Amino acid sequence: MVVLGVWTIWQHCNDCVFNGRSPNIASALTMAGEEKCMWSMAGAKALASLPTLGEERI
């Protein structure tokens, strides 16, 4: 989870610096959710058990 967080921040920072995008926490969180899904499909089993952003917790 820590690596996913750092990776998301790194990507968002690069997007802001090199592509001129404005910092936006909502887009960073969306990107983190998408990355979590992709990492889970690629075999990161521990991430599959975590709730997705916006999911209701029971």
N, C-alpha and C. Protein backbone atom coordinates (compact mmCIF):
# COMPACT_ATOMS: atom_id res chain seq x y z
N MET A 1 0.82 -1.18 0.00
CA MET A 1 0.00 0.00 0.00
C MET A 1 0.88 1.26 0.00
N VAL A 2 1.97 1.22 0.75
CA VAL A 2 2.86 2.38 0.80
C VAL A 2 3.47 2.64 -0.57
N VAL A 3 3.89 1.60 -1.23
CA VAL A 3 4.50 1.75 -2.56
C VAL A 3 3.48 2.32 -3.54
N LEU A 4 2.24 1.87 -3.46
CA LEU A 4 1.18 2.40 -4.31
C LEU A 4 0.97 3.89 -4.05
N GLY A 5 0.98 4.29 -2.79
CA GLY A 5 0.81 5.71 -2.45
C GLY A 5 1.95 6.56 -2.98
N VAL A 6 3.16 6.09 -2.79
CA VAL A 6 4.33 6.84 -3.28
C VAL A 6 4.31 6.91 -4.80
N TRP A 7 3.98 5.80 -5.45
CA TRP A 7 3.92 5.76 -6.91
C TRP A 7 2.88 6.76 -7.44
N THR A 8 1.72 6.83 -6.79
CA THR A 8 0.66 7.74 -7.21
C THR A 8 1.10 9.19 -7.05
N ILE A 9 1.71 9.51 -5.93
CA ILE A 9 2.19 10.88 -5.70
C ILE A 9 3.25 11.24 -6.73
N TRP A 10 4.16 10.30 -7.01
CA TRP A 10 5.22 10.53 -8.00
C TRP A 10 4.62 10.82 -9.37
N GLN A 11 3.67 10.00 -9.80
CA GLN A 11 3.04 10.20 -11.10
C GLN A 11 2.30 11.53 -11.17
N HIS A 12 1.57 11.86 -10.11
CA HIS A 12 0.80 13.11 -10.09
C HIS A 12 1.75 14.32 -10.12
N CYS A 13 2.83 14.24 -9.37
CA CYS A 13 3.82 15.31 -9.36
C CYS A 13 4.42 15.50 -10.75
N ASN A 14 4.80 14.41 -11.39
CA ASN A 14 5.35 14.49 -12.74
C ASN A 14 4.34 15.07 -13.72
N ASP A 15 3.08 14.69 -13.57
CA ASP A 15 2.03 15.22 -14.44
C ASP A 15 1.91 16.73 -14.26
N CYS A 16 2.01 17.19 -13.03
CA CYS A 16 1.92 18.64 -12.76
C CYS A 16 3.14 19.38 -13.31
N VAL A 17 4.32 18.83 -13.11
CA VAL A 17 5.56 19.50 -13.52
C VAL A 17 5.73 19.47 -15.04
N PHE A 18 5.58 18.31 -15.65
CA PHE A 18 5.92 18.17 -17.06
C PHE A 18 4.76 18.40 -18.02
N ASN A 19 3.52 18.24 -17.54
CA ASN A 19 2.37 18.43 -18.41
C ASN A 19 1.57 19.67 -18.07
N GLY A 20 2.02 20.43 -17.07
CA GLY A 20 1.39 21.69 -16.72
C GLY A 20 0.03 21.55 -16.04
N ARG A 21 -0.28 20.38 -15.51
CA ARG A 21 -1.55 20.19 -14.82
C ARG A 21 -1.49 20.82 -13.43
N SER A 22 -2.62 21.23 -12.93
CA SER A 22 -2.71 21.78 -11.58
C SER A 22 -2.81 20.65 -10.57
N PRO A 23 -2.18 20.81 -9.40
CA PRO A 23 -2.31 19.79 -8.36
C PRO A 23 -3.77 19.63 -7.97
N ASN A 24 -4.23 18.41 -7.85
CA ASN A 24 -5.62 18.13 -7.55
C ASN A 24 -5.70 16.82 -6.78
N ILE A 25 -6.11 16.91 -5.52
CA ILE A 25 -6.15 15.71 -4.68
C ILE A 25 -7.18 14.70 -5.19
N ALA A 26 -8.29 15.19 -5.73
CA ALA A 26 -9.33 14.28 -6.23
C ALA A 26 -8.81 13.45 -7.40
N SER A 27 -8.08 14.08 -8.31
CA SER A 27 -7.55 13.31 -9.44
C SER A 27 -6.46 12.35 -8.98
N ALA A 28 -5.68 12.74 -7.97
CA ALA A 28 -4.65 11.84 -7.44
C ALA A 28 -5.30 10.62 -6.78
N LEU A 29 -6.39 10.81 -6.06
CA LEU A 29 -7.08 9.69 -5.43
C LEU A 29 -7.74 8.78 -6.47
N THR A 30 -8.27 9.39 -7.51
CA THR A 30 -8.85 8.59 -8.60
C THR A 30 -7.77 7.75 -9.27
N MET A 31 -6.63 8.38 -9.52
CA MET A 31 -5.51 7.66 -10.12
C MET A 31 -5.06 6.51 -9.21
N ALA A 32 -5.04 6.75 -7.90
CA ALA A 32 -4.64 5.70 -6.95
C ALA A 32 -5.61 4.52 -7.01
N GLY A 33 -6.91 4.80 -7.12
CA GLY A 33 -7.90 3.73 -7.23
C GLY A 33 -7.73 2.92 -8.50
N GLU A 34 -7.46 3.62 -9.60
CA GLU A 34 -7.24 2.92 -10.88
C GLU A 34 -5.97 2.08 -10.83
N GLU A 35 -4.91 2.63 -10.25
CA GLU A 35 -3.66 1.89 -10.12
C GLU A 35 -3.85 0.66 -9.24
N LYS A 36 -4.62 0.80 -8.15
CA LYS A 36 -4.88 -0.33 -7.25
C LYS A 36 -5.55 -1.46 -8.01
N CYS A 37 -6.52 -1.13 -8.84
CA CYS A 37 -7.21 -2.16 -9.64
C CYS A 37 -6.24 -2.84 -10.60
N MET A 38 -5.41 -2.04 -11.27
CA MET A 38 -4.45 -2.61 -12.22
C MET A 38 -3.42 -3.48 -11.51
N TRP A 39 -2.93 -3.02 -10.36
CA TRP A 39 -1.95 -3.80 -9.61
C TRP A 39 -2.58 -5.11 -9.12
N SER A 40 -3.85 -5.06 -8.72
CA SER A 40 -4.53 -6.27 -8.26
C SER A 40 -4.66 -7.27 -9.40
N MET A 41 -5.02 -6.78 -10.59
CA MET A 41 -5.13 -7.66 -11.75
C MET A 41 -3.78 -8.25 -12.13
N ALA A 42 -2.70 -7.51 -11.84
CA ALA A 42 -1.36 -7.98 -12.18
C ALA A 42 -0.81 -8.96 -11.14
N GLY A 43 -1.53 -9.15 -10.03
CA GLY A 43 -1.10 -10.15 -9.07
C GLY A 43 -0.80 -9.66 -7.67
N ALA A 44 -1.03 -8.39 -7.38
CA ALA A 44 -0.80 -7.87 -6.03
C ALA A 44 -1.97 -8.29 -5.15
N LYS A 45 -1.86 -9.48 -4.56
CA LYS A 45 -2.97 -10.08 -3.83
C LYS A 45 -3.40 -9.27 -2.61
N ALA A 46 -2.48 -8.66 -1.91
CA ALA A 46 -2.83 -7.92 -0.70
C ALA A 46 -3.70 -6.70 -1.01
N LEU A 47 -3.51 -6.11 -2.18
CA LEU A 47 -4.32 -4.94 -2.55
C LEU A 47 -5.75 -5.32 -2.91
N ALA A 48 -5.98 -6.53 -3.35
CA ALA A 48 -7.31 -6.96 -3.77
C ALA A 48 -8.29 -6.95 -2.60
N SER A 49 -7.81 -7.12 -1.38
CA SER A 49 -8.70 -7.17 -0.22
C SER A 49 -9.05 -5.78 0.31
N LEU A 50 -8.37 -4.74 -0.15
CA LEU A 50 -8.66 -3.39 0.31
C LEU A 50 -9.85 -2.81 -0.44
N PRO A 51 -10.67 -2.00 0.25
CA PRO A 51 -11.82 -1.40 -0.44
C PRO A 51 -11.37 -0.36 -1.46
N THR A 52 -12.14 -0.22 -2.52
CA THR A 52 -11.87 0.79 -3.53
C THR A 52 -12.39 2.12 -3.03
N LEU A 53 -11.76 3.22 -3.41
CA LEU A 53 -12.22 4.54 -3.01
C LEU A 53 -13.67 4.71 -3.46
N GLY A 54 -14.51 5.21 -2.57
CA GLY A 54 -15.90 5.42 -2.90
C GLY A 54 -16.78 4.22 -2.58
N GLU A 55 -16.20 3.08 -2.25
CA GLU A 55 -16.98 1.90 -1.89
C GLU A 55 -17.54 2.08 -0.50
N GLU A 56 -18.75 1.61 -0.30
CA GLU A 56 -19.31 1.63 1.04
C GLU A 56 -18.69 0.54 1.89
N ARG A 57 -18.42 0.85 3.12
CA ARG A 57 -17.85 -0.15 4.04
C ARG A 57 -18.96 -0.68 4.93
N ILE A 58 -19.04 -1.97 5.02
CA ILE A 58 -20.12 -2.60 5.82
C ILE A 58 -19.56 -3.03 7.15
